[in-house]
C-alpha atoms as a PDB file:
ATOM      1  CA  MET A   1      10.927 -37.521 -73.243  1.00  0.00           C
ATOM      2  CA  GLY A   2       8.186 -37.830 -70.644  1.00  0.00           C
ATOM      3  CA  ILE A   3       7.839 -39.963 -67.532  1.00  0.00           C
ATOM      4  CA  THR A   4       8.840 -43.587 -68.094  1.00  0.00           C
ATOM      5  CA  PRO A   5       7.266 -46.588 -66.342  1.00  0.00           C
ATOM      6  CA  LYS A   6       8.719 -47.733 -63.036  1.00  0.00           C
ATOM      7  CA  THR A   7       8.293 -51.237 -61.702  1.00  0.00           C
ATOM      8  CA  GLY A   8       7.684 -52.711 -58.295  1.00  0.00           C
ATOM      9  CA  PRO A   9      10.320 -54.564 -56.248  1.00  0.00           C
ATOM     10  CA  GLN A  10       9.291 -57.888 -57.813  1.00  0.00           C
ATOM     11  CA  GLY A  11       9.194 -56.675 -61.404  1.00  0.00           C
ATOM     12  CA  GLY A  12       6.643 -55.040 -63.684  1.00  0.00           C
ATOM     13  CA  ARG A  13       2.886 -55.473 -63.286  1.00  0.00           C
ATOM     14  CA  ILE A  14       0.427 -54.608 -66.053  1.00  0.00           C
ATOM     15  CA  PHE A  15      -3.380 -54.682 -66.284  1.00  0.00           C
ATOM     16  CA  ILE A  16      -5.116 -54.511 -69.679  1.00  0.00           C
ATOM     17  CA  THR A  17      -8.848 -53.984 -70.256  1.00  0.00           C
ATOM     18  CA  GLY A  18     -10.179 -55.654 -73.383  1.00  0.00           C
ATOM     19  CA  GLY A  19      -7.138 -57.843 -72.867  1.00  0.00           C
ATOM     20  CA  ALA A  20      -8.503 -61.233 -73.883  1.00  0.00           C
ATOM     21  CA  SER A  21      -8.114 -60.725 -77.640  1.00  0.00           C
ATOM     22  CA  GLY A  22      -6.710 -58.498 -80.368  1.00  0.00           C
ATOM     23  CA  LEU A  23      -4.293 -55.745 -79.411  1.00  0.00           C
ATOM     24  CA  GLY A  24      -4.957 -56.233 -75.697  1.00  0.00           C
ATOM     25  CA  LEU A  25      -3.812 -59.855 -75.819  1.00  0.00           C
ATOM     26  CA  ALA A  26      -0.856 -58.988 -78.076  1.00  0.00           C
ATOM     27  CA  LEU A  27       0.254 -56.382 -75.529  1.00  0.00           C
ATOM     28  CA  GLY A  28      -0.147 -58.882 -72.711  1.00  0.00           C
ATOM     29  CA  LYS A  29       2.073 -61.408 -74.479  1.00  0.00           C
ATOM     30  CA  ARG A  30       4.694 -58.775 -75.332  1.00  0.00           C
ATOM     31  CA  TYR A  31       4.969 -57.640 -71.712  1.00  0.00           C
ATOM     32  CA  ALA A  32       4.927 -61.250 -70.507  1.00  0.00           C
ATOM     33  CA  ARG A  33       7.923 -62.008 -72.730  1.00  0.00           C
ATOM     34  CA  ALA A  34       9.708 -59.072 -71.092  1.00  0.00           C
ATOM     35  CA  GLY A  35       9.186 -60.649 -67.673  1.00  0.00           C
ATOM     36  CA  TRP A  36       6.145 -58.662 -66.545  1.00  0.00           C
ATOM     37  CA  ARG A  37       3.228 -60.073 -64.590  1.00  0.00           C
ATOM     38  CA  VAL A  38       0.071 -59.716 -66.659  1.00  0.00           C
ATOM     39  CA  ALA A  39      -3.608 -59.418 -65.758  1.00  0.00           C
ATOM     40  CA  VAL A  40      -6.347 -58.987 -68.329  1.00  0.00           C
ATOM     41  CA  GLY A  41      -9.844 -57.620 -67.864  1.00  0.00           C
ATOM     42  CA  ASP A  42     -12.679 -58.573 -70.204  1.00  0.00           C
ATOM     43  CA  ILE A  43     -16.380 -59.409 -70.369  1.00  0.00           C
ATOM     44  CA  ASN A  44     -16.050 -62.675 -72.331  1.00  0.00           C
ATOM     45  CA  PRO A  45     -15.409 -65.627 -69.989  1.00  0.00           C
ATOM     46  CA  ASP A  46     -14.339 -68.022 -72.746  1.00  0.00           C
ATOM     47  CA  ALA A  47     -11.922 -65.491 -74.250  1.00  0.00           C
ATOM     48  CA  MET A  48     -10.491 -64.748 -70.795  1.00  0.00           C
ATOM     49  CA  ALA A  49      -9.868 -68.435 -70.129  1.00  0.00           C
ATOM     50  CA  ALA A  50      -8.146 -68.853 -73.492  1.00  0.00           C
ATOM     51  CA  ALA A  51      -6.069 -65.709 -72.969  1.00  0.00           C
ATOM     52  CA  VAL A  52      -4.896 -66.807 -69.515  1.00  0.00           C
ATOM     53  CA  ALA A  53      -3.933 -70.200 -70.945  1.00  0.00           C
ATOM     54  CA  GLU A  54      -1.772 -68.476 -73.574  1.00  0.00           C
ATOM     55  CA  LEU A  55      -0.282 -65.955 -71.183  1.00  0.00           C
ATOM     56  CA  SER A  56       0.443 -68.487 -68.452  1.00  0.00           C
ATOM     57  CA  ALA A  57       2.834 -70.302 -70.755  1.00  0.00           C
ATOM     58  CA  ILE A  58       4.985 -67.147 -70.693  1.00  0.00           C
ATOM     59  CA  ALA A  59       3.997 -65.506 -67.395  1.00  0.00           C
ATOM     60  CA  PRO A  60       2.881 -68.147 -64.856  1.00  0.00           C
ATOM     61  CA  ASP A  61       1.162 -65.579 -62.612  1.00  0.00           C
ATOM     62  CA  ALA A  62      -1.130 -64.340 -65.404  1.00  0.00           C
ATOM     63  CA  PHE A  63      -4.787 -64.088 -64.468  1.00  0.00           C
ATOM     64  CA  ALA A  64      -8.059 -62.533 -65.622  1.00  0.00           C
ATOM     65  CA  ILE A  65     -10.498 -60.191 -63.927  1.00  0.00           C
ATOM     66  CA  PRO A  66     -14.114 -59.989 -65.161  1.00  0.00           C
ATOM     67  CA  CYS A  67     -14.390 -56.321 -66.060  1.00  0.00           C
ATOM     68  CA  ASP A  68     -17.110 -54.403 -67.880  1.00  0.00           C
ATOM     69  CA  VAL A  69     -15.749 -50.899 -68.439  1.00  0.00           C
ATOM     70  CA  ARG A  70     -19.323 -49.536 -68.422  1.00  0.00           C
ATOM     71  CA  ASP A  71     -19.508 -50.368 -64.702  1.00  0.00           C
ATOM     72  CA  ASP A  72     -17.796 -47.987 -62.254  1.00  0.00           C
ATOM     73  CA  ALA A  73     -17.703 -50.688 -59.589  1.00  0.00           C
ATOM     74  CA  ALA A  74     -16.021 -53.172 -61.927  1.00  0.00           C
ATOM     75  CA  LEU A  75     -12.970 -50.920 -62.389  1.00  0.00           C
ATOM     76  CA  ASP A  76     -12.803 -50.211 -58.666  1.00  0.00           C
ATOM     77  CA  ALA A  77     -12.995 -53.961 -57.990  1.00  0.00           C
ATOM     78  CA  ALA A  78     -10.174 -54.586 -60.483  1.00  0.00           C
ATOM     79  CA  ALA A  79      -7.973 -52.070 -58.663  1.00  0.00           C
ATOM     80  CA  GLN A  80      -8.729 -53.787 -55.350  1.00  0.00           C
ATOM     81  CA  ALA A  81      -8.014 -57.237 -56.793  1.00  0.00           C
ATOM     82  CA  LEU A  82      -4.644 -56.116 -58.137  1.00  0.00           C
ATOM     83  CA  THR A  83      -3.758 -54.533 -54.805  1.00  0.00           C
ATOM     84  CA  GLN A  84      -4.618 -57.729 -52.967  1.00  0.00           C
ATOM     85  CA  ARG A  85      -2.759 -60.005 -55.365  1.00  0.00           C
ATOM     86  CA  TRP A  86       0.247 -57.931 -56.381  1.00  0.00           C
ATOM     87  CA  GLY A  87       0.289 -55.018 -53.971  1.00  0.00           C
ATOM     88  CA  GLY A  88      -0.457 -52.643 -56.850  1.00  0.00           C
ATOM     89  CA  VAL A  89       0.130 -52.289 -60.582  1.00  0.00           C
ATOM     90  CA  ASP A  90       2.619 -50.314 -62.670  1.00  0.00           C
ATOM     91  CA  ILE A  91       0.863 -49.925 -66.047  1.00  0.00           C
ATOM     92  CA  VAL A  92      -2.873 -49.815 -66.770  1.00  0.00           C
ATOM     93  CA  VAL A  93      -3.887 -50.130 -70.408  1.00  0.00           C
ATOM     94  CA  ASN A  94      -7.405 -48.788 -71.018  1.00  0.00           C
ATOM     95  CA  ASN A  95      -7.911 -50.725 -74.224  1.00  0.00           C
ATOM     96  CA  ALA A  96     -11.515 -51.965 -74.345  1.00  0.00           C
ATOM     97  CA  GLY A  97     -13.508 -50.411 -77.178  1.00  0.00           C
ATOM     98  CA  VAL A  98     -16.171 -50.837 -79.845  1.00  0.00           C
ATOM     99  CA  ALA A  99     -16.934 -49.387 -83.280  1.00  0.00           C
ATOM    100  CA  GLN A 100     -19.756 -47.531 -85.010  1.00  0.00           C
ATOM    101  CA  ALA A 101     -20.041 -46.320 -88.606  1.00  0.00           C
ATOM    102  CA  GLY A 102     -22.757 -44.365 -90.377  1.00  0.00           C
ATOM    103  CA  ASN A 103     -23.903 -40.962 -91.535  1.00  0.00           C
ATOM    104  CA  ILE A 104     -24.869 -38.506 -88.817  1.00  0.00           C
ATOM    105  CA  ASP A 105     -28.527 -38.531 -89.849  1.00  0.00           C
ATOM    106  CA  ASP A 106     -28.668 -42.347 -89.886  1.00  0.00           C
ATOM    107  CA  THR A 107     -26.876 -43.023 -86.594  1.00  0.00           C
ATOM    108  CA  PRO A 108     -29.320 -43.622 -83.710  1.00  0.00           C
ATOM    109  CA  LEU A 109     -28.710 -41.629 -80.552  1.00  0.00           C
ATOM    110  CA  ASP A 110     -28.641 -44.926 -78.673  1.00  0.00           C
ATOM    111  CA  ASP A 111     -25.524 -45.836 -80.687  1.00  0.00           C
ATOM    112  CA  TRP A 112     -23.929 -42.554 -79.603  1.00  0.00           C
ATOM    113  CA  ARG A 113     -24.704 -43.298 -75.956  1.00  0.00           C
ATOM    114  CA  TRP A 114     -23.389 -46.863 -76.300  1.00  0.00           C
ATOM    115  CA  ILE A 115     -20.073 -45.954 -77.904  1.00  0.00           C
ATOM    116  CA  ILE A 116     -19.452 -42.969 -75.614  1.00  0.00           C
ATOM    117  CA  ASP A 117     -20.093 -45.155 -72.551  1.00  0.00           C
ATOM    118  CA  ILE A 118     -17.496 -47.706 -73.664  1.00  0.00           C
ATOM    119  CA  ASN A 119     -14.869 -45.892 -75.742  1.00  0.00           C
ATOM    120  CA  LEU A 120     -14.704 -42.686 -73.724  1.00  0.00           C
ATOM    121  CA  MET A 121     -16.219 -43.314 -70.313  1.00  0.00           C
ATOM    122  CA  GLY A 122     -14.513 -46.716 -70.111  1.00  0.00           C
ATOM    123  CA  VAL A 123     -11.160 -44.927 -70.313  1.00  0.00           C
ATOM    124  CA  VAL A 124     -12.314 -42.242 -67.865  1.00  0.00           C
ATOM    125  CA  ARG A 125     -13.397 -44.918 -65.393  1.00  0.00           C
ATOM    126  CA  GLY A 126     -10.083 -46.746 -65.719  1.00  0.00           C
ATOM    127  CA  CYS A 127      -8.066 -43.594 -65.112  1.00  0.00           C
ATOM    128  CA  LYS A 128     -10.262 -42.526 -62.200  1.00  0.00           C
ATOM    129  CA  ALA A 129     -10.143 -45.961 -60.526  1.00  0.00           C
ATOM    130  CA  PHE A 130      -6.357 -46.371 -60.698  1.00  0.00           C
ATOM    131  CA  THR A 131      -5.096 -42.821 -60.170  1.00  0.00           C
ATOM    132  CA  PRO A 132      -5.417 -43.031 -56.333  1.00  0.00           C
ATOM    133  CA  MET A 133      -3.341 -46.233 -56.354  1.00  0.00           C
ATOM    134  CA  PHE A 134      -0.711 -44.647 -58.590  1.00  0.00           C
ATOM    135  CA  LYS A 135      -0.512 -41.574 -56.375  1.00  0.00           C
ATOM    136  CA  ALA A 136      -0.138 -43.729 -53.263  1.00  0.00           C
ATOM    137  CA  GLN A 137       2.663 -45.705 -54.949  1.00  0.00           C
ATOM    138  CA  GLY A 138       4.362 -42.561 -56.162  1.00  0.00           C
ATOM    139  CA  HIS A 139       4.411 -43.887 -59.710  1.00  0.00           C
ATOM    140  CA  GLY A 140       2.214 -45.420 -62.399  1.00  0.00           C
ATOM    141  CA  TYR A 141       1.521 -45.284 -66.117  1.00  0.00           C
ATOM    142  CA  PHE A 142      -1.660 -45.113 -68.189  1.00  0.00           C
ATOM    143  CA  VAL A 143      -1.754 -46.333 -71.782  1.00  0.00           C
ATOM    144  CA  ASN A 144      -5.057 -45.345 -73.414  1.00  0.00           C
ATOM    145  CA  THR A 145      -6.117 -46.867 -76.723  1.00  0.00           C
ATOM    146  CA  ALA A 146      -7.536 -44.272 -79.112  1.00  0.00           C
ATOM    147  CA  SER A 147      -7.152 -44.418 -82.899  1.00  0.00           C
ATOM    148  CA  MET A 148      -6.076 -42.435 -85.930  1.00  0.00           C
ATOM    149  CA  ALA A 149      -9.817 -41.715 -86.004  1.00  0.00           C
ATOM    150  CA  GLY A 150      -9.158 -39.465 -83.035  1.00  0.00           C
ATOM    151  CA  LEU A 151      -6.647 -37.392 -84.999  1.00  0.00           C
ATOM    152  CA  LEU A 152      -8.207 -37.367 -88.465  1.00  0.00           C
ATOM    153  CA  ASP A 153     -11.797 -36.702 -89.529  1.00  0.00           C
ATOM    154  CA  MET A 154     -12.998 -39.268 -92.022  1.00  0.00           C
ATOM    155  CA  PRO A 155     -16.701 -39.071 -92.930  1.00  0.00           C
ATOM    156  CA  THR A 156     -19.363 -41.633 -91.926  1.00  0.00           C
ATOM    157  CA  MET A 157     -17.623 -42.310 -88.609  1.00  0.00           C
ATOM    158  CA  SER A 158     -18.616 -39.306 -86.520  1.00  0.00           C
ATOM    159  CA  ALA A 159     -19.489 -41.219 -83.338  1.00  0.00           C
ATOM    160  CA  TYR A 160     -16.332 -43.333 -83.415  1.00  0.00           C
ATOM    161  CA  ASN A 161     -14.135 -40.380 -84.372  1.00  0.00           C
ATOM    162  CA  ALA A 162     -15.570 -38.213 -81.600  1.00  0.00           C
ATOM    163  CA  THR A 163     -14.970 -40.788 -78.862  1.00  0.00           C
ATOM    164  CA  LYS A 164     -11.410 -41.443 -79.986  1.00  0.00           C
ATOM    165  CA  ALA A 165     -10.660 -37.710 -80.266  1.00  0.00           C
ATOM    166  CA  ALA A 166     -11.905 -37.351 -76.693  1.00  0.00           C
ATOM    167  CA  VAL A 167      -9.552 -40.118 -75.550  1.00  0.00           C
ATOM    168  CA  VAL A 168      -6.639 -38.292 -77.205  1.00  0.00           C
ATOM    169  CA  SER A 169      -7.602 -35.041 -75.464  1.00  0.00           C
ATOM    170  CA  LEU A 170      -8.101 -36.793 -72.122  1.00  0.00           C
ATOM    171  CA  SER A 171      -4.687 -38.440 -72.397  1.00  0.00           C
ATOM    172  CA  GLU A 172      -2.946 -35.177 -73.299  1.00  0.00           C
ATOM    173  CA  THR A 173      -4.645 -33.423 -70.392  1.00  0.00           C
ATOM    174  CA  LEU A 174      -3.710 -36.142 -67.904  1.00  0.00           C
ATOM    175  CA  GLN A 175      -0.110 -36.063 -69.090  1.00  0.00           C
ATOM    176  CA  HIS A 176       0.065 -32.524 -67.639  1.00  0.00           C
ATOM    177  CA  GLU A 177      -2.148 -33.136 -64.629  1.00  0.00           C
ATOM    178  CA  LEU A 178      -0.581 -36.349 -63.357  1.00  0.00           C
ATOM    179  CA  ALA A 179       3.103 -35.681 -64.048  1.00  0.00           C
ATOM    180  CA  PRO A 180       3.677 -34.001 -60.648  1.00  0.00           C
ATOM    181  CA  SER A 181       2.553 -37.284 -59.040  1.00  0.00           C
ATOM    182  CA  GLY A 182       5.058 -39.323 -61.071  1.00  0.00           C
ATOM    183  CA  ILE A 183       2.358 -40.750 -63.349  1.00  0.00           C
ATOM    184  CA  GLY A 184       2.981 -41.037 -67.085  1.00  0.00           C
ATOM    185  CA  VAL A 185       0.454 -41.234 -69.945  1.00  0.00           C
ATOM    186  CA  SER A 186       0.600 -42.519 -73.518  1.00  0.00           C
ATOM    187  CA  VAL A 187      -2.177 -42.704 -76.102  1.00  0.00           C
ATOM    188  CA  ILE A 188      -2.185 -45.302 -78.892  1.00  0.00           C
ATOM    189  CA  CYS A 189      -3.476 -44.119 -82.280  1.00  0.00           C
ATOM    190  CA  PRO A 190      -3.293 -47.000 -84.760  1.00  0.00           C
ATOM    191  CA  SER A 191      -4.872 -47.224 -88.185  1.00  0.00           C
ATOM    192  CA  PHE A 192      -6.591 -50.437 -89.276  1.00  0.00           C
ATOM    193  CA  PHE A 193      -4.921 -53.770 -88.579  1.00  0.00           C
ATOM    194  CA  LYS A 194      -6.232 -57.314 -88.239  1.00  0.00           C
ATOM    195  CA  THR A 195      -8.277 -57.566 -85.059  1.00  0.00           C
ATOM    196  CA  ASN A 196     -11.788 -58.414 -83.884  1.00  0.00           C
ATOM    197  CA  LEU A 197     -13.099 -54.840 -83.900  1.00  0.00           C
ATOM    198  CA  ALA A 198     -15.667 -55.647 -86.597  1.00  0.00           C
ATOM    199  CA  SER A 199     -17.452 -58.019 -84.221  1.00  0.00           C
ATOM    200  CA  SER A 200     -18.553 -54.999 -82.182  1.00  0.00           C
ATOM    201  CA  LEU A 201     -19.419 -52.767 -85.152  1.00  0.00           C
ATOM    202  CA  ARG A 202     -22.821 -51.112 -85.223  1.00  0.00           C
ATOM    203  CA  THR A 203     -23.963 -49.601 -88.513  1.00  0.00           C
ATOM    204  CA  THR A 204     -27.146 -49.055 -90.481  1.00  0.00           C
ATOM    205  CA  ASP A 205     -25.286 -49.517 -93.788  1.00  0.00           C
ATOM    206  CA  PRO A 206     -24.115 -53.061 -94.679  1.00  0.00           C
ATOM    207  CA  ARG A 207     -21.682 -51.577 -97.210  1.00  0.00           C
ATOM    208  CA  LEU A 208     -19.803 -49.938 -94.370  1.00  0.00           C
ATOM    209  CA  ARG A 209     -19.552 -53.250 -92.534  1.00  0.00           C
ATOM    210  CA  ALA A 210     -18.064 -54.856 -95.637  1.00  0.00           C
ATOM    211  CA  ARG A 211     -15.615 -51.990 -95.993  1.00  0.00           C
ATOM    212  CA  VAL A 212     -14.463 -52.241 -92.365  1.00  0.00           C
ATOM    213  CA  ASP A 213     -14.046 -56.014 -92.700  1.00  0.00           C
ATOM    214  CA  LYS A 214     -11.903 -55.522 -95.794  1.00  0.00           C
ATOM    215  CA  LEU A 215      -9.700 -52.887 -94.161  1.00  0.00           C
ATOM    216  CA  LEU A 216      -9.210 -54.935 -91.008  1.00  0.00           C
ATOM    217  CA  ASN A 217      -8.117 -57.955 -93.019  1.00  0.00           C
ATOM    218  CA  ARG A 218      -5.806 -56.293 -95.523  1.00  0.00           C
ATOM    219  CA  PRO A 219      -2.150 -57.413 -95.414  1.00  0.00           C
ATOM    220  CA  GLY A 220       0.261 -55.272 -93.470  1.00  0.00           C
ATOM    221  CA  ILE A 221       0.906 -54.401 -89.872  1.00  0.00           C
ATOM    222  CA  THR A 222      -0.312 -56.924 -87.293  1.00  0.00           C
ATOM    223  CA  ALA A 223      -1.492 -56.665 -83.703  1.00  0.00           C
ATOM    224  CA  GLU A 224       1.913 -57.994 -82.678  1.00  0.00           C
ATOM    225  CA  ASP A 225       3.618 -55.222 -84.675  1.00  0.00           C
ATOM    226  CA  VAL A 226       1.474 -52.600 -82.936  1.00  0.00           C
ATOM    227  CA  ALA A 227       2.189 -54.171 -79.550  1.00  0.00           C
ATOM    228  CA  GLU A 228       5.943 -54.005 -80.195  1.00  0.00           C
ATOM    229  CA  TYR A 229       5.690 -50.354 -81.246  1.00  0.00           C
ATOM    230  CA  VAL A 230       3.691 -49.542 -78.114  1.00  0.00           C
ATOM    231  CA  PHE A 231       6.095 -51.468 -75.873  1.00  0.00           C
ATOM    232  CA  GLN A 232       9.048 -49.462 -77.186  1.00  0.00           C
ATOM    233  CA  GLY A 233       7.159 -46.147 -77.142  1.00  0.00           C
ATOM    234  CA  VAL A 234       5.954 -46.552 -73.562  1.00  0.00           C
ATOM    235  CA  ALA A 235       9.459 -47.510 -72.440  1.00  0.00           C
ATOM    236  CA  ALA A 236      10.642 -44.212 -73.942  1.00  0.00           C
ATOM    237  CA  GLY A 237       7.833 -42.234 -72.294  1.00  0.00           C
ATOM    238  CA  ARG A 238       6.336 -40.977 -75.566  1.00  0.00           C
ATOM    239  CA  CYS A 239       2.822 -39.582 -75.333  1.00  0.00           C
ATOM    240  CA  HIS A 240       1.520 -40.077 -78.887  1.00  0.00           C
ATOM    241  CA  LEU A 241       2.049 -43.584 -80.258  1.00  0.00           C
ATOM    242  CA  LEU A 242       1.231 -43.790 -83.985  1.00  0.00           C
ATOM    243  CA  PRO A 243       2.401 -47.204 -85.226  1.00  0.00           C
ATOM    244  CA  HIS A 244       1.310 -46.758 -88.869  1.00  0.00           C
ATOM    245  CA  LYS A 245       3.623 -44.757 -91.127  1.00  0.00           C
ATOM    246  CA  GLU A 246       0.677 -43.729 -93.312  1.00  0.00           C
ATOM    247  CA  GLY A 247      -1.177 -42.441 -90.265  1.00  0.00           C
ATOM    248  CA  ARG A 248       1.805 -40.377 -89.139  1.00  0.00           C
ATOM    249  CA  ARG A 249       2.045 -38.841 -92.616  1.00  0.00           C
ATOM    250  CA  PHE A 250      -1.616 -37.867 -92.817  1.00  0.00           C
ATOM    251  CA  TRP A 251      -1.614 -36.448 -89.288  1.00  0.00           C
ATOM    252  CA  LEU A 252       1.373 -34.282 -90.195  1.00  0.00           C
ATOM    253  CA  MET A 253      -0.365 -33.073 -93.352  1.00  0.00           C
ATOM    254  CA  LYS A 254      -3.533 -32.252 -91.445  1.00  0.00           C
ATOM    255  CA  ARG A 255      -1.589 -30.150 -88.956  1.00  0.00           C
ATOM    256  CA  LEU A 256       0.520 -28.315 -91.531  1.00  0.00           C
ATOM    257  CA  MET A 257      -1.737 -27.912 -94.566  1.00  0.00           C
ATOM    258  CA  PRO A 258      -4.454 -25.276 -94.872  1.00  0.00           C
ATOM    259  CA  ARG A 259      -7.768 -26.880 -93.989  1.00  0.00           C
ATOM    260  CA  ALA A 260      -9.160 -26.376 -97.501  1.00  0.00           C
ATOM    261  CA  TRP A 261      -6.214 -28.236 -99.020  1.00  0.00           C
ATOM    262  CA  TYR A 262      -6.538 -31.089 -96.562  1.00  0.00           C
ATOM    263  CA  VAL A 263     -10.284 -31.432 -97.213  1.00  0.00           C
ATOM    264  CA  ALA A 264      -9.705 -31.413-100.967  1.00  0.00           C
ATOM    265  CA  MET A 265      -7.087 -34.146-100.622  1.00  0.00           C
ATOM    266  CA  ILE A 266      -9.413 -36.346 -98.572  1.00  0.00           C
ATOM    267  CA  ASP A 267     -12.318 -35.745-100.966  1.00  0.00           C
ATOM    268  CA  LYS A 268     -10.124 -36.660-103.935  1.00  0.00           C
ATOM    269  CA  ARG A 269      -9.079 -39.850-102.215  1.00  0.00           C
ATOM    270  CA  ALA A 270     -12.720 -40.663-101.530  1.00  0.00           C
ATOM    271  CA  ARG A 271     -13.711 -40.115-105.157  1.00  0.00           C
ATOM    272  CA  SER A 272     -10.888 -42.339-106.318  1.00  0.00           C
ATOM    273  CA  MET A 273     -12.556 -45.199-104.479  1.00  0.00           C
ATOM    274  CA  ALA A 274     -15.896 -44.748-106.256  1.00  0.00           C
ATOM    275  CA  THR A 275     -14.834 -46.433-109.508  1.00  0.00           C
ATOM    276  CA  PRO A 276     -17.391 -48.198-111.747  1.00  0.00           C
ATOM    277  CA  SER A 277     -15.909 -51.597-110.918  1.00  0.00           C
ATOM    278  CA  ARG A 278     -16.312 -51.024-107.197  1.00  0.00           C
ATOM    279  CA  ILE A 279     -19.847 -49.749-107.602  1.00  0.00           C
ATOM    280  CA  ALA A 280     -20.764 -52.733-109.763  1.00  0.00           C
ATOM    281  CA  ALA A 281     -19.323 -55.077-107.161  1.00  0.00           C
ATOM    282  CA  GLY A 282     -21.424 -53.423-104.477  1.00  0.00           C
ATOM    283  CA  GLN A 283     -18.365 -52.268-102.549  1.00  0.00           C
ATOM    284  CA  PRO A 284     -18.769 -49.221-100.317  1.00  0.00           C
ATOM    285  CA  GLN A 285     -17.802 -45.893-101.774  1.00  0.00           C
ATOM    286  CA  GLN A 286     -16.216 -44.601 -98.599  1.00  0.00           C
ATOM    287  CA  PRO A 287     -12.771 -43.034 -98.188  1.00  0.00           C
ATOM    288  CA  ALA A 288     -10.103 -45.719 -97.951  1.00  0.00           C
ATOM    289  CA  ALA A 289      -7.265 -43.666 -96.583  1.00  0.00           C
ATOM    290  CA  PRO A 290      -6.049 -42.571 -94.296  1.00  0.00           C
ATOM    291  CA  SER A 291      -7.506 -45.587 -92.556  1.00  0.00           C
ATOM    292  CA  THR A 292      -9.083 -44.635 -89.283  1.00  0.00           C
ATOM    293  CA  GLY A 293      -8.040 -46.528 -86.265  1.00  0.00           C
ATOM    294  CA  SER A 294      -8.719 -49.885 -84.799  1.00  0.00           C
ATOM    295  CA  ARG A 295      -8.201 -51.099 -81.314  1.00  0.00           C
ATOM    296  CA  GLY A 296      -7.627 -54.660 -80.319  1.00  0.00           C
END
């Protein structure tokens, strides 16, 4: 067990980027129900207003901070706002993220720059902005949203996979680096679940967009389920939070199987998706499982 979150004298305080919808909002509501004060950061004013209205019914002190994770100053301003209002914060969830899908030779370099700036550098900026506060408090906890895409290596998602793998590595590194200062770190690695990730998706292949939409909307685990899993995992101080059973199984196989066997298994799964009926229906012939991750 690693470091577990500590709370201030007036109870827990949590700040969530990308917190106005999807997993971010589900996490906010779960912590609000546990008695925490909740602040969300986002770039969508209408979504922030709606989120605060929902959260305020559970946590009256809930509020929103306009926050673009591409802007260094925006994260610094969020830290200052939380210090002024609450005297600090106990958990920071670096959750904001976007998606990109496509073959390496079809993906524009501008898409690489865009997704790296948000998915990776957004987390880096959040950690950098709040670490001084955490050190001054003598405690704090980062929860970084990555994806099963950061642990597995499904084709046609190289840019997304690479950013999420970097978030996993960053989180693991900071777990070592920040522990002496009483700061804990967890990284969330979900597979697909119903969220609004597709609204941010960039791709040059409309078949991939259809495939992502289908995977995000399939029955199964919900954002609320993921939020509950994360809530329990963070309370236990676990570093890697993999809420999907299928994802945990494939990650174990990747680590234990010879690489050639793992590749053959993934290729077989991909071929199984390319049936005549799917081709005739115009459905994408991309690997369906293990589903790579989705943030909120």
